[in-house]
Protein backbone atom coordinates (compact mmCIF):
# COMPACT_ATOMS: atom_id res chain seq x y z
CA MET A 1 0.00 0.00 0.00
CA SER A 2 1.46 3.36 -1.05
CA PRO A 3 1.78 6.28 1.44
CA GLY A 4 -1.07 8.10 -0.31
CA GLN A 5 -3.40 5.22 0.47
CA GLU A 6 -2.66 4.60 4.15
CA LEU A 7 -5.69 4.79 6.43
CA VAL A 8 -5.76 7.54 9.03
CA LYS A 9 -6.49 6.58 12.63
CA PRO A 10 -9.51 8.39 14.12
CA GLU A 11 -7.54 9.51 17.17
CA ASP A 12 -5.26 11.58 14.93
CA TYR A 13 -8.02 14.15 14.55
CA ALA A 14 -9.85 15.54 17.57
CA ALA A 15 -13.06 16.04 15.61
CA LEU A 16 -13.01 12.43 14.38
CA ALA A 17 -12.27 10.91 17.76
CA MET A 18 -15.71 11.70 19.18
CA PRO A 19 -19.28 11.05 18.00
CA THR A 20 -20.77 13.80 15.85
CA GLU A 21 -23.49 14.51 18.43
CA ASP A 22 -20.85 14.96 21.17
CA LEU A 23 -18.92 17.31 18.93
CA ALA A 24 -22.00 19.47 18.47
CA VAL A 25 -22.52 19.58 22.26
CA VAL A 26 -18.93 20.71 22.89
CA ILE A 27 -19.20 23.50 20.32
CA GLU A 28 -22.55 24.67 21.67
CA GLU A 29 -21.34 24.67 25.30
CA ASN A 30 -18.21 26.66 24.48
CA LEU A 31 -20.22 29.22 22.55
CA ALA A 32 -22.87 29.44 25.31
CA GLY A 33 -25.65 29.04 22.79
CA GLN A 34 -24.29 31.63 20.36
CA LYS A 35 -24.08 30.87 16.67
CA ILE A 36 -20.74 30.67 14.85
CA SER A 37 -20.36 33.87 12.85
CA GLU A 38 -18.07 34.73 9.96
CA PHE A 39 -15.65 36.37 12.42
CA ASP A 40 -15.25 33.47 14.86
CA LEU A 41 -13.12 31.00 12.93
CA ASP A 42 -9.33 31.21 12.84
CA ARG A 43 -8.05 32.31 9.46
CA VAL A 44 -4.87 31.62 7.52
CA LYS A 45 -4.02 33.91 4.64
CA MET A 46 -1.44 33.80 1.88
CA PRO A 47 1.85 35.47 2.90
CA ALA A 48 2.87 38.57 1.00
CA GLY A 49 6.12 39.06 -0.87
CA GLY A 50 6.64 35.42 -1.85
CA GLY A 51 6.78 33.94 1.64
CA THR A 52 6.83 30.14 1.84
CA SER A 53 5.49 29.65 5.37
CA TRP A 54 1.94 29.78 6.69
CA GLU A 55 1.21 31.69 9.89
CA VAL A 56 -1.19 29.43 11.81
CA PRO A 57 -3.05 30.58 14.97
CA THR A 58 -2.59 28.30 18.00
CA LEU A 59 -3.40 28.48 21.72
CA ASP A 60 0.18 29.62 22.32
CA GLY A 61 0.26 32.24 19.61
CA THR A 62 1.08 32.12 15.91
CA GLU A 63 3.16 29.27 14.54
CA ALA A 64 5.02 29.34 11.21
CA VAL A 65 4.61 26.07 9.28
CA LYS A 66 5.80 25.05 5.83
CA GLU A 67 2.77 22.91 5.11
CA LEU A 68 -0.87 22.87 6.15
CA GLU A 69 -2.35 19.43 6.60
CA GLY A 70 -5.98 18.54 7.17
CA VAL A 71 -9.35 17.52 5.75
CA ILE A 72 -11.19 20.01 3.56
CA VAL A 73 -14.72 19.91 4.95
CA TYR A 74 -16.10 22.58 2.62
CA TRP A 75 -14.97 25.16 0.10
CA LYS A 76 -16.51 28.05 -1.75
CA GLU A 77 -15.60 30.79 -4.17
CA GLY A 78 -16.51 34.42 -3.84
CA ARG A 79 -15.79 37.79 -5.33
CA SER A 80 -14.66 41.00 -3.65
CA PHE A 81 -14.24 44.51 -5.02
CA TRP A 82 -12.68 47.53 -3.34
CA LYS A 83 -12.99 50.96 -4.95
CA GLU A 84 -9.85 52.22 -3.29
CA LYS A 85 -6.45 50.60 -3.56
CA TYR A 86 -5.64 48.37 -0.58
CA SER A 87 -3.43 50.19 1.96
CA GLY A 88 -3.43 47.77 4.87
CA GLY A 89 -6.02 46.73 7.40
CA SER A 90 -9.07 44.53 7.00
CA GLU A 91 -11.56 46.82 5.30
CA PRO A 92 -14.69 45.06 4.05
CA PRO A 93 -15.20 45.14 0.27
CA ASP A 94 -17.44 47.78 -1.30
CA CYS A 95 -19.13 45.04 -3.28
CA SER A 96 -18.96 41.29 -2.68
CA SER A 97 -20.46 37.97 -3.67
CA PRO A 98 -20.50 34.87 -1.44
CA ASP A 99 -20.89 32.55 -4.44
CA ALA A 100 -19.14 34.44 -7.29
CA GLN A 101 -22.50 34.67 -9.08
CA PHE A 102 -24.59 37.37 -7.41
CA ALA A 103 -23.26 40.37 -5.49
CA THR A 104 -24.46 43.14 -3.21
CA GLY A 105 -22.90 46.48 -2.31
CA ASP A 106 -21.61 49.31 -4.47
CA PRO A 107 -19.64 48.21 -7.56
CA GLY A 108 -19.19 51.79 -8.70
CA VAL A 109 -20.34 50.93 -12.24
CA ALA A 110 -23.59 50.03 -13.96
CA VAL A 111 -24.30 46.31 -13.53
CA PRO A 112 -27.44 44.32 -14.49
CA THR A 113 -29.38 42.90 -11.55
CA ASP A 114 -31.54 39.82 -11.02
CA GLU A 115 -35.13 39.74 -9.75
CA HIS A 116 -33.87 40.15 -6.17
CA GLY A 117 -31.86 43.27 -6.92
CA ARG A 118 -28.50 41.50 -6.73
CA PHE A 119 -25.76 42.37 -9.19
CA ILE A 120 -25.00 39.66 -11.76
CA CYS A 121 -21.25 39.00 -11.49
CA ALA A 122 -20.91 37.51 -14.97
CA GLN A 123 -22.16 40.79 -16.46
CA CYS A 124 -20.16 43.15 -14.25
CA PRO A 125 -17.44 45.27 -15.93
CA ASN A 126 -15.27 44.89 -12.82
CA ALA A 127 -15.13 41.13 -13.44
CA GLU A 128 -13.70 41.55 -16.94
CA PHE A 129 -10.05 40.65 -17.49
CA GLY A 130 -7.85 43.67 -18.08
CA THR A 131 -9.56 45.86 -15.46
CA ALA A 132 -7.21 45.25 -12.52
CA GLU A 133 -4.61 47.81 -11.54
CA ASN A 134 -1.08 46.88 -10.45
CA ASP A 135 1.00 48.62 -7.78
CA LYS A 136 1.86 51.40 -10.25
CA GLY A 137 -1.78 52.14 -11.01
CA GLU A 138 -1.50 50.60 -14.48
CA LYS A 139 -4.14 48.34 -15.98
CA GLY A 140 -3.09 44.71 -16.08
CA ARG A 141 -4.51 41.41 -17.28
CA GLY A 142 -6.44 40.55 -14.14
CA GLN A 143 -9.90 41.42 -12.83
CA ALA A 144 -10.68 44.46 -10.69
CA CYS A 145 -13.20 42.29 -8.81
CA LYS A 146 -11.07 39.53 -7.33
CA LEU A 147 -12.09 35.89 -7.47
CA GLN A 148 -11.02 34.01 -4.33
CA ARG A 149 -11.46 30.50 -3.05
CA GLN A 150 -11.87 29.73 0.64
CA LEU A 151 -11.02 26.30 1.98
CA PHE A 152 -12.29 25.18 5.38
CA LEU A 153 -9.59 22.87 6.68
CA LEU A 154 -10.13 20.53 9.62
CA THR A 155 -6.78 20.07 11.37
CA PRO A 156 -5.77 17.38 13.89
CA LYS A 157 -5.86 19.51 17.06
CA SER A 158 -8.97 21.65 16.54
CA LEU A 159 -12.68 20.85 16.51
CA LEU A 160 -13.34 23.79 14.17
CA PRO A 161 -11.88 24.26 10.70
CA LEU A 162 -9.33 26.85 9.68
CA VAL A 163 -10.36 29.31 6.98
CA VAL A 164 -7.65 29.19 4.31
CA SER A 165 -8.14 32.12 1.93
CA LEU A 166 -6.62 31.67 -1.51
CA PRO A 167 -6.10 34.79 -3.64
CA PRO A 168 -6.57 34.80 -7.44
CA SER A 169 -3.14 33.34 -8.26
CA SER A 170 -3.86 30.18 -6.22
CA VAL A 171 -7.41 29.51 -7.42
CA ALA A 172 -6.26 27.57 -10.50
CA PRO A 173 -3.98 25.14 -8.58
CA ALA A 174 -6.80 24.47 -6.10
CA LYS A 175 -9.26 23.79 -8.92
CA LYS A 176 -6.80 21.45 -10.66
CA TYR A 177 -6.33 19.46 -7.45
CA MET A 178 -10.08 19.14 -6.92
CA LEU A 179 -10.56 18.00 -10.51
CA ARG A 180 -7.83 15.41 -10.10
CA LEU A 181 -9.59 14.00 -7.06
CA ALA A 182 -12.88 13.96 -8.96
CA GLY A 183 -11.21 12.10 -11.81
CA PHE A 184 -10.43 9.27 -9.41
CA SER A 185 -13.89 9.35 -7.78
CA THR A 186 -12.40 10.69 -4.54
CA PRO A 187 -14.40 13.26 -2.52
CA TYR A 188 -12.16 16.02 -1.15
CA SER A 189 -13.65 15.44 2.32
CA SER A 190 -12.46 11.82 2.36
CA VAL A 191 -8.71 12.51 2.24
CA ILE A 192 -5.99 14.42 4.03
CA THR A 193 -4.82 17.34 1.90
CA LYS A 194 -1.39 18.93 2.17
CA ILE A 195 -1.04 22.58 1.18
CA ALA A 196 2.42 24.07 0.76
CA LEU A 197 3.74 27.30 -0.75
CA THR A 198 6.07 28.05 -3.62
CA GLN A 199 7.66 31.33 -4.58
CA GLU A 200 6.70 32.52 -8.05
CA LYS A 201 7.40 35.62 -10.13
CA SER A 202 4.89 37.44 -12.30
CA GLN A 203 5.52 38.66 -15.86
CA GLY A 204 6.02 42.08 -14.34
CA GLY A 205 8.78 40.78 -12.08
CA ILE A 206 6.75 40.78 -8.85
CA THR A 207 7.49 37.93 -6.44
CA TYR A 208 4.42 36.26 -4.93
CA SER A 209 3.37 33.08 -3.13
CA GLN A 210 1.34 30.32 -4.73
CA ALA A 211 -0.34 27.39 -3.00
CA THR A 212 0.44 23.83 -4.04
CA PHE A 213 -1.72 20.80 -3.24
CA ALA A 214 -0.83 17.19 -2.57
CA LEU A 215 -2.80 14.13 -1.58
CA GLY A 216 -2.12 12.70 1.87
CA GLU A 217 -3.74 9.68 3.51
CA LYS A 218 -7.27 8.49 2.84
CA LEU A 219 -9.86 8.41 5.61
CA THR A 220 -11.69 5.26 6.52
CA PRO A 221 -15.26 5.12 5.15
CA GLU A 222 -16.56 5.64 8.71
CA ASP A 223 -14.48 8.76 9.26
CA ALA A 224 -15.32 10.12 5.81
CA GLU A 225 -19.01 9.83 6.70
CA LYS A 226 -18.38 11.59 10.01
CA VAL A 227 -16.70 14.46 8.18
CA ARG A 228 -19.70 14.79 5.87
CA GLU A 229 -22.07 14.96 8.85
CA PHE A 230 -19.80 17.47 10.58
CA ALA A 231 -19.63 19.65 7.46
CA ALA A 232 -23.41 19.56 7.04
CA LYS A 233 -23.89 20.95 10.57
CA LEU A 234 -21.40 23.78 10.04
CA ARG A 235 -22.23 24.65 6.43
CA PRO A 236 -24.80 27.40 7.18
CA SER A 237 -22.12 29.25 9.17
CA LEU A 238 -19.31 28.57 6.70
CA GLU A 239 -21.35 29.98 3.83
CA GLN A 240 -21.38 33.37 5.59
CA VAL A 241 -17.59 33.75 5.81
CA GLU A 242 -16.37 36.55 3.54
CA VAL A 243 -12.93 37.47 2.23
CA ARG A 244 -11.18 40.44 3.84
CA ALA A 245 -8.95 42.97 2.09
CA ASP A 246 -5.83 41.76 3.92
CA GLU A 247 -6.41 38.22 2.61
CA VAL A 248 -5.96 39.20 -1.05
CA ALA A 249 -2.17 39.37 -0.76
CA ASP A 250 -1.50 39.24 -4.49
CA GLY A 251 -4.11 41.80 -5.47
CA GLY A 252 -1.62 43.70 -7.61
CA VAL A 253 0.04 40.67 -9.16
CA GLU A 254 -0.65 39.85 -12.78
CA VAL A 255 0.16 36.17 -13.44
């Protein structure tokens, strides 16, 4: 049996070592009946400047790791648009979409809307390629309205997933990995995924970080089912998590 096919023991992951109903009780007790909001989960963002280490929140502070490892319990894509150039901080976007299809806010341009008054992303000028501005204020090949992918990664020590925010330059590698799993009839929630970082350079000479994906061990059928049940309970909360300005580290990079 190859390393990529070894079965993971349930005790390796805190969330898999207890019954799903017990897990729900622990979460509810710790939150004192409050719902999980988009601001409650720990987040891991792409490092700026071509860094090759992730900064992961822990009980003892932030830990730098070369590779994230865990089970992807859910993922989603969204779009975010800021009228002003990012200058630091975590400003919310002026216009955003939780599903990359329909948006709300102020796009600053005329955009067709659906029957609910939401802007249609596919028909928004800000989503056209060639509308993004680089660090010099010049138009590049990218989109002014950034497409991001958020992965919700269940790690061994935590009962709640990490939010891993991937900027535009890492969306394609993530999609390719998911398609590869699909090609082998393997649900992403049934395997351990390893996410590392490489240093890349854009056509304009800007150094940036890009995520890489590798298959780890497969879960047992029992644990894979437990992950699906766990994800179903958390999904309403995970769908509300939005991308922040400081998580789009390569916003000025044209790749």
